[in-house]
Amino acid sequence: MAAGSKYAIKIVQEDSIWTADITRRVSRKEVIVSKTKSGFANEAEAQEWAEAELKGFVENQSKRNKLRNDKR
């Protein structure tokens, strides 16, 4: 994704388990986790899941935004 994007992927390792987070920048100072999943055996699996989910998440958000704007 481009630098300065609203959505990002964060991969974290805790002991031998990997966790993937999809984060969203709410404001310049605040970032929240929009979606998370843990229990991956390695970083590659977590990264693959996060990229696929992020793509679907962004597409869903754009559809919802378009529907909301069409109603106005």
PDB file of N, CA and C in Angstrom:
ATOM      1  N   MET A   1       0.833  -1.184   0.000  1.00  0.00           N
ATOM      2  CA  MET A   1       0.000   0.000   0.000  1.00  0.00           C
ATOM      3  C   MET A   1       0.874   1.242   0.000  1.00  0.00           C
ATOM      4  N   ALA A   2       0.300   2.324  -0.403  1.00  0.00           N
ATOM      5  CA  ALA A   2       1.033   3.583  -0.488  1.00  0.00           C
ATOM      6  C   ALA A   2       1.313   4.133   0.906  1.00  0.00           C
ATOM      7  N   ALA A   3       2.395   4.892   0.987  1.00  0.00           N
ATOM      8  CA  ALA A   3       2.721   5.532   2.254  1.00  0.00           C
ATOM      9  C   ALA A   3       1.644   6.554   2.587  1.00  0.00           C
ATOM     10  N   GLY A   4       1.293   6.649   3.854  1.00  0.00           N
ATOM     11  CA  GLY A   4       0.263   7.589   4.261  1.00  0.00           C
ATOM     12  C   GLY A   4      -1.133   7.068   4.040  1.00  0.00           C
ATOM     13  N   SER A   5      -1.273   5.803   3.772  1.00  0.00           N
ATOM     14  CA  SER A   5      -2.572   5.194   3.531  1.00  0.00           C
ATOM     15  C   SER A   5      -3.372   5.115   4.825  1.00  0.00           C
ATOM     16  N   LYS A   6      -4.673   5.058   4.709  1.00  0.00           N
ATOM     17  CA  LYS A   6      -5.541   4.987   5.871  1.00  0.00           C
ATOM     18  C   LYS A   6      -5.490   3.604   6.526  1.00  0.00           C
ATOM     19  N   TYR A   7      -5.273   2.560   5.752  1.00  0.00           N
ATOM     20  CA  TYR A   7      -5.253   1.189   6.257  1.00  0.00           C
ATOM     21  C   TYR A   7      -3.847   0.617   6.150  1.00  0.00           C
ATOM     22  N   ALA A   8      -3.501  -0.242   7.118  1.00  0.00           N
ATOM     23  CA  ALA A   8      -2.173  -0.864   7.117  1.00  0.00           C
ATOM     24  C   ALA A   8      -2.268  -2.249   7.748  1.00  0.00           C
ATOM     25  N   ILE A   9      -1.209  -3.019   7.567  1.00  0.00           N
ATOM     26  CA  ILE A   9      -1.099  -4.364   8.128  1.00  0.00           C
ATOM     27  C   ILE A   9      -0.009  -4.348   9.192  1.00  0.00           C
ATOM     28  N   LYS A  10      -0.301  -5.002  10.309  1.00  0.00           N
ATOM     29  CA  LYS A  10       0.675  -5.113  11.392  1.00  0.00           C
ATOM     30  C   LYS A  10       0.776  -6.584  11.771  1.00  0.00           C
ATOM     31  N   ILE A  11       1.978  -7.137  11.711  1.00  0.00           N
ATOM     32  CA  ILE A  11       2.228  -8.533  12.053  1.00  0.00           C
ATOM     33  C   ILE A  11       3.061  -8.562  13.341  1.00  0.00           C
ATOM     34  N   VAL A  12       2.589  -9.318  14.339  1.00  0.00           N
ATOM     35  CA  VAL A  12       3.247  -9.371  15.645  1.00  0.00           C
ATOM     36  C   VAL A  12       3.468 -10.824  16.036  1.00  0.00           C
ATOM     37  N   GLN A  13       4.648 -11.100  16.617  1.00  0.00           N
ATOM     38  CA  GLN A  13       4.939 -12.445  17.104  1.00  0.00           C
ATOM     39  C   GLN A  13       4.923 -12.444  18.625  1.00  0.00           C
ATOM     40  N   GLU A  14       4.154 -13.375  19.201  1.00  0.00           N
ATOM     41  CA  GLU A  14       4.124 -13.579  20.649  1.00  0.00           C
ATOM     42  C   GLU A  14       4.477 -15.038  20.894  1.00  0.00           C
ATOM     43  N   ASP A  15       5.632 -15.273  21.478  1.00  0.00           N
ATOM     44  CA  ASP A  15       6.194 -16.612  21.644  1.00  0.00           C
ATOM     45  C   ASP A  15       6.347 -17.257  20.267  1.00  0.00           C
ATOM     46  N   SER A  16       5.617 -18.337  19.973  1.00  0.00           N
ATOM     47  CA  SER A  16       5.742 -18.980  18.660  1.00  0.00           C
ATOM     48  C   SER A  16       4.492 -18.772  17.815  1.00  0.00           C
ATOM     49  N   ILE A  17       3.599 -17.885  18.256  1.00  0.00           N
ATOM     50  CA  ILE A  17       2.349 -17.638  17.541  1.00  0.00           C
ATOM     51  C   ILE A  17       2.385 -16.249  16.913  1.00  0.00           C
ATOM     52  N   TRP A  18       1.958 -16.160  15.654  1.00  0.00           N
ATOM     53  CA  TRP A  18       1.920 -14.901  14.923  1.00  0.00           C
ATOM     54  C   TRP A  18       0.493 -14.367  14.882  1.00  0.00           C
ATOM     55  N   THR A  19       0.372 -13.049  14.981  1.00  0.00           N
ATOM     56  CA  THR A  19      -0.919 -12.372  14.940  1.00  0.00           C
ATOM     57  C   THR A  19      -0.886 -11.320  13.840  1.00  0.00           C
ATOM     58  N   ALA A  20      -1.972 -11.256  13.056  1.00  0.00           N
ATOM     59  CA  ALA A  20      -2.092 -10.267  11.994  1.00  0.00           C
ATOM     60  C   ALA A  20      -3.203  -9.286  12.351  1.00  0.00           C
ATOM     61  N   ASP A  21      -2.908  -7.990  12.233  1.00  0.00           N
ATOM     62  CA  ASP A  21      -3.877  -6.934  12.514  1.00  0.00           C
ATOM     63  C   ASP A  21      -4.039  -6.057  11.276  1.00  0.00           C
ATOM     64  N   ILE A  22      -5.268  -5.648  11.024  1.00  0.00           N
ATOM     65  CA  ILE A  22      -5.538  -4.627  10.015  1.00  0.00           C
ATOM     66  C   ILE A  22      -5.851  -3.367  10.802  1.00  0.00           C
ATOM     67  N   THR A  23      -5.029  -2.334  10.619  1.00  0.00           N
ATOM     68  CA  THR A  23      -5.191  -1.105  11.376  1.00  0.00           C
ATOM     69  C   THR A  23      -5.738  -0.010  10.486  1.00  0.00           C
ATOM     70  N   ARG A  24      -6.437   0.941  11.138  1.00  0.00           N
ATOM     71  CA  ARG A  24      -7.018   2.068  10.418  1.00  0.00           C
ATOM     72  C   ARG A  24      -6.627   3.340  11.143  1.00  0.00           C
ATOM     73  N   ARG A  25      -6.138   4.316  10.384  1.00  0.00           N
ATOM     74  CA  ARG A  25      -5.761   5.596  10.965  1.00  0.00           C
ATOM     75  C   ARG A  25      -7.019   6.444  11.102  1.00  0.00           C
ATOM     76  N   VAL A  26      -7.400   6.736  12.347  1.00  0.00           N
ATOM     77  CA  VAL A  26      -8.593   7.523  12.640  1.00  0.00           C
ATOM     78  C   VAL A  26      -8.273   9.008  12.547  1.00  0.00           C
ATOM     79  N   SER A  27      -7.157   9.388  13.110  1.00  0.00           N
ATOM     80  CA  SER A  27      -6.693  10.767  13.055  1.00  0.00           C
ATOM     81  C   SER A  27      -5.175  10.728  12.928  1.00  0.00           C
ATOM     82  N   ARG A  28      -4.599  11.885  12.969  1.00  0.00           N
ATOM     83  CA  ARG A  28      -3.142  11.949  12.827  1.00  0.00           C
ATOM     84  C   ARG A  28      -2.434  11.218  13.961  1.00  0.00           C
ATOM     85  N   LYS A  29      -3.056  11.214  15.131  1.00  0.00           N
ATOM     86  CA  LYS A  29      -2.422  10.616  16.307  1.00  0.00           C
ATOM     87  C   LYS A  29      -2.984   9.258  16.690  1.00  0.00           C
ATOM     88  N   GLU A  30      -4.167   8.922  16.227  1.00  0.00           N
ATOM     89  CA  GLU A  30      -4.836   7.710  16.692  1.00  0.00           C
ATOM     90  C   GLU A  30      -4.959   6.659  15.594  1.00  0.00           C
ATOM     91  N   VAL A  31      -4.603   5.432  15.945  1.00  0.00           N
ATOM     92  CA  VAL A  31      -4.726   4.282  15.055  1.00  0.00           C
ATOM     93  C   VAL A  31      -5.468   3.194  15.819  1.00  0.00           C
ATOM     94  N   ILE A  32      -6.480   2.592  15.181  1.00  0.00           N
ATOM     95  CA  ILE A  32      -7.222   1.511  15.837  1.00  0.00           C
ATOM     96  C   ILE A  32      -7.100   0.237  15.010  1.00  0.00           C
ATOM     97  N   VAL A  33      -7.318  -0.890  15.666  1.00  0.00           N
ATOM     98  CA  VAL A  33      -7.305  -2.184  14.984  1.00  0.00           C
ATOM     99  C   VAL A  33      -8.725  -2.472  14.512  1.00  0.00           C
ATOM    100  N   SER A  34      -8.895  -2.633  13.192  1.00  0.00           N
ATOM    101  CA  SER A  34     -10.208  -2.901  12.617  1.00  0.00           C
ATOM    102  C   SER A  34     -10.513  -4.391  12.569  1.00  0.00           C
ATOM    103  N   LYS A  35      -9.484  -5.197  12.379  1.00  0.00           N
ATOM    104  CA  LYS A  35      -9.679  -6.639  12.274  1.00  0.00           C
ATOM    105  C   LYS A  35      -8.396  -7.329  12.729  1.00  0.00           C
ATOM    106  N   THR A  36      -8.542  -8.451  13.423  1.00  0.00           N
ATOM    107  CA  THR A  36      -7.364  -9.174  13.903  1.00  0.00           C
ATOM    108  C   THR A  36      -7.614 -10.676  13.863  1.00  0.00           C
ATOM    109  N   LYS A  37      -6.535 -11.419  13.706  1.00  0.00           N
ATOM    110  CA  LYS A  37      -6.600 -12.878  13.764  1.00  0.00           C
ATOM    111  C   LYS A  37      -5.247 -13.381  14.248  1.00  0.00           C
ATOM    112  N   SER A  38      -5.277 -14.339  15.157  1.00  0.00           N
ATOM    113  CA  SER A  38      -4.029 -14.891  15.674  1.00  0.00           C
ATOM    114  C   SER A  38      -4.022 -16.395  15.490  1.00  0.00           C
ATOM    115  N   GLY A  39      -2.901 -17.006  15.824  1.00  0.00           N
ATOM    116  CA  GLY A  39      -2.783 -18.453  15.740  1.00  0.00           C
ATOM    117  C   GLY A  39      -2.054 -18.935  14.502  1.00  0.00           C
ATOM    118  N   PHE A  40      -1.359 -18.047  13.812  1.00  0.00           N
ATOM    119  CA  PHE A  40      -0.609 -18.453  12.627  1.00  0.00           C
ATOM    120  C   PHE A  40       0.712 -19.091  13.044  1.00  0.00           C
ATOM    121  N   ALA A  41       1.131 -20.082  12.278  1.00  0.00           N
ATOM    122  CA  ALA A  41       2.367 -20.806  12.598  1.00  0.00           C
ATOM    123  C   ALA A  41       3.611 -20.018  12.190  1.00  0.00           C
ATOM    124  N   ASN A  42       3.488 -19.191  11.140  1.00  0.00           N
ATOM    125  CA  ASN A  42       4.647 -18.415  10.707  1.00  0.00           C
ATOM    126  C   ASN A  42       4.207 -17.060  10.165  1.00  0.00           C
ATOM    127  N   GLU A  43       5.173 -16.204   9.935  1.00  0.00           N
ATOM    128  CA  GLU A  43       4.897 -14.837   9.493  1.00  0.00           C
ATOM    129  C   GLU A  43       4.286 -14.802   8.098  1.00  0.00           C
ATOM    130  N   ALA A  44       4.702 -15.693   7.229  1.00  0.00           N
ATOM    131  CA  ALA A  44       4.200 -15.713   5.856  1.00  0.00           C
ATOM    132  C   ALA A  44       2.689 -15.985   5.816  1.00  0.00           C
ATOM    133  N   GLU A  45       2.227 -16.915   6.629  1.00  0.00           N
ATOM    134  CA  GLU A  45       0.783 -17.205   6.682  1.00  0.00           C
ATOM    135  C   GLU A  45       0.002 -15.992   7.183  1.00  0.00           C
ATOM    136  N   ALA A  46       0.527 -15.338   8.205  1.00  0.00           N
ATOM    137  CA  ALA A  46      -0.137 -14.158   8.759  1.00  0.00           C
ATOM    138  C   ALA A  46      -0.183 -13.035   7.730  1.00  0.00           C
ATOM    139  N   GLN A  47       0.906 -12.832   7.023  1.00  0.00           N
ATOM    140  CA  GLN A  47       0.977 -11.785   6.001  1.00  0.00           C
ATOM    141  C   GLN A  47       0.003 -12.077   4.861  1.00  0.00           C
ATOM    142  N   GLU A  48      -0.067 -13.329   4.440  1.00  0.00           N
ATOM    143  CA  GLU A  48      -0.974 -13.721   3.361  1.00  0.00           C
ATOM    144  C   GLU A  48      -2.430 -13.476   3.752  1.00  0.00           C
ATOM    145  N   TRP A  49      -2.808 -13.869   4.964  1.00  0.00           N
ATOM    146  CA  TRP A  49      -4.179 -13.645   5.437  1.00  0.00           C
ATOM    147  C   TRP A  49      -4.492 -12.153   5.500  1.00  0.00           C
ATOM    148  N   ALA A  50      -3.567 -11.383   6.050  1.00  0.00           N
ATOM    149  CA  ALA A  50      -3.783  -9.947   6.225  1.00  0.00           C
ATOM    150  C   ALA A  50      -3.951  -9.236   4.881  1.00  0.00           C
ATOM    151  N   GLU A  51      -3.146  -9.595   3.898  1.00  0.00           N
ATOM    152  CA  GLU A  51      -3.256  -8.956   2.581  1.00  0.00           C
ATOM    153  C   GLU A  51      -4.595  -9.277   1.922  1.00  0.00           C
ATOM    154  N   ALA A  52      -5.029 -10.530   2.025  1.00  0.00           N
ATOM    155  CA  ALA A  52      -6.307 -10.918   1.433  1.00  0.00           C
ATOM    156  C   ALA A  52      -7.463 -10.224   2.148  1.00  0.00           C
ATOM    157  N   GLU A  53      -7.436 -10.198   3.461  1.00  0.00           N
ATOM    158  CA  GLU A  53      -8.498  -9.549   4.232  1.00  0.00           C
ATOM    159  C   GLU A  53      -8.516  -8.047   4.013  1.00  0.00           C
ATOM    160  N   LEU A  54      -7.345  -7.443   3.910  1.00  0.00           N
ATOM    161  CA  LEU A  54      -7.270  -5.997   3.696  1.00  0.00           C
ATOM    162  C   LEU A  54      -7.894  -5.616   2.363  1.00  0.00           C
ATOM    163  N   LYS A  55      -7.616  -6.400   1.344  1.00  0.00           N
ATOM    164  CA  LYS A  55      -8.190  -6.128   0.017  1.00  0.00           C
ATOM    165  C   LYS A  55      -9.723  -6.176   0.086  1.00  0.00           C
ATOM    166  N   GLY A  56     -10.263  -7.223   0.694  1.00  0.00           N
ATOM    167  CA  GLY A  56     -11.711  -7.341   0.841  1.00  0.00           C
ATOM    168  C   GLY A  56     -12.286  -6.265   1.741  1.00  0.00           C
ATOM    169  N   PHE A  57     -11.574  -5.910   2.787  1.00  0.00           N
ATOM    170  CA  PHE A  57     -12.019  -4.886   3.731  1.00  0.00           C
ATOM    171  C   PHE A  57     -12.136  -3.532   3.045  1.00  0.00           C
ATOM    172  N   VAL A  58     -11.136  -3.171   2.260  1.00  0.00           N
ATOM    173  CA  VAL A  58     -11.137  -1.883   1.556  1.00  0.00           C
ATOM    174  C   VAL A  58     -12.232  -1.854   0.493  1.00  0.00           C
ATOM    175  N   GLU A  59     -12.421  -2.953  -0.232  1.00  0.00           N
ATOM    176  CA  GLU A  59     -13.485  -3.016  -1.233  1.00  0.00           C
ATOM    177  C   GLU A  59     -14.852  -2.856  -0.578  1.00  0.00           C
ATOM    178  N   ASN A  60     -15.065  -3.528   0.546  1.00  0.00           N
ATOM    179  CA  ASN A  60     -16.328  -3.428   1.260  1.00  0.00           C
ATOM    180  C   ASN A  60     -16.568  -1.996   1.751  1.00  0.00           C
ATOM    181  N   GLN A  61     -15.546  -1.358   2.274  1.00  0.00           N
ATOM    182  CA  GLN A  61     -15.668   0.014   2.745  1.00  0.00           C
ATOM    183  C   GLN A  61     -16.028   0.961   1.596  1.00  0.00           C
ATOM    184  N   SER A  62     -15.398   0.776   0.445  1.00  0.00           N
ATOM    185  CA  SER A  62     -15.690   1.661  -0.688  1.00  0.00           C
ATOM    186  C   SER A  62     -17.122   1.465  -1.179  1.00  0.00           C
ATOM    187  N   LYS A  63     -17.619   0.221  -1.176  1.00  0.00           N
ATOM    188  CA  LYS A  63     -19.015  -0.032  -1.556  1.00  0.00           C
ATOM    189  C   LYS A  63     -19.970   0.644  -0.582  1.00  0.00           C
ATOM    190  N   ARG A  64     -19.696   0.505   0.713  1.00  0.00           N
ATOM    191  CA  ARG A  64     -20.552   1.121   1.729  1.00  0.00           C
ATOM    192  C   ARG A  64     -20.537   2.640   1.609  1.00  0.00           C
ATOM    193  N   ASN A  65     -19.361   3.217   1.358  1.00  0.00           N
ATOM    194  CA  ASN A  65     -19.268   4.666   1.204  1.00  0.00           C
ATOM    195  C   ASN A  65     -20.039   5.142  -0.020  1.00  0.00           C
ATOM    196  N   LYS A  66     -19.950   4.375  -1.111  1.00  0.00           N
ATOM    197  CA  LYS A  66     -20.647   4.752  -2.334  1.00  0.00           C
ATOM    198  C   LYS A  66     -22.158   4.695  -2.109  1.00  0.00           C
ATOM    199  N   LEU A  67     -22.648   3.647  -1.457  1.00  0.00           N
ATOM    200  CA  LEU A  67     -24.083   3.541  -1.174  1.00  0.00           C
ATOM    201  C   LEU A  67     -24.558   4.692  -0.290  1.00  0.00           C
ATOM    202  N   ARG A  68     -23.771   5.035   0.706  1.00  0.00           N
ATOM    203  CA  ARG A  68     -24.132   6.125   1.598  1.00  0.00           C
ATOM    204  C   ARG A  68     -24.179   7.451   0.847  1.00  0.00           C
ATOM    205  N   ASN A  69     -23.221   7.669  -0.056  1.00  0.00           N
ATOM    206  CA  ASN A  69     -23.196   8.911  -0.829  1.00  0.00           C
ATOM    207  C   ASN A  69     -24.336   8.968  -1.836  1.00  0.00           C
ATOM    208  N   ASP A  70     -24.745   7.828  -2.401  1.00  0.00           N
ATOM    209  CA  ASP A  70     -25.831   7.797  -3.354  1.00  0.00           C
ATOM    210  C   ASP A  70     -27.169   8.144  -2.691  1.00  0.00           C
ATOM    211  N   LYS A  71     -27.311   7.820  -1.412  1.00  0.00           N
ATOM    212  CA  LYS A  71     -28.545   8.109  -0.691  1.00  0.00           C
ATOM    213  C   LYS A  71     -28.714   9.598  -0.416  1.00  0.00           C
ATOM    214  N   ARG A  72     -27.632  10.343  -0.428  1.00  0.00           N
ATOM    215  CA  ARG A  72     -27.694  11.775  -0.121  1.00  0.00           C
ATOM    216  C   ARG A  72     -28.214  12.567  -1.244  1.00  0.00           C
TER     217      ARG A  72
END
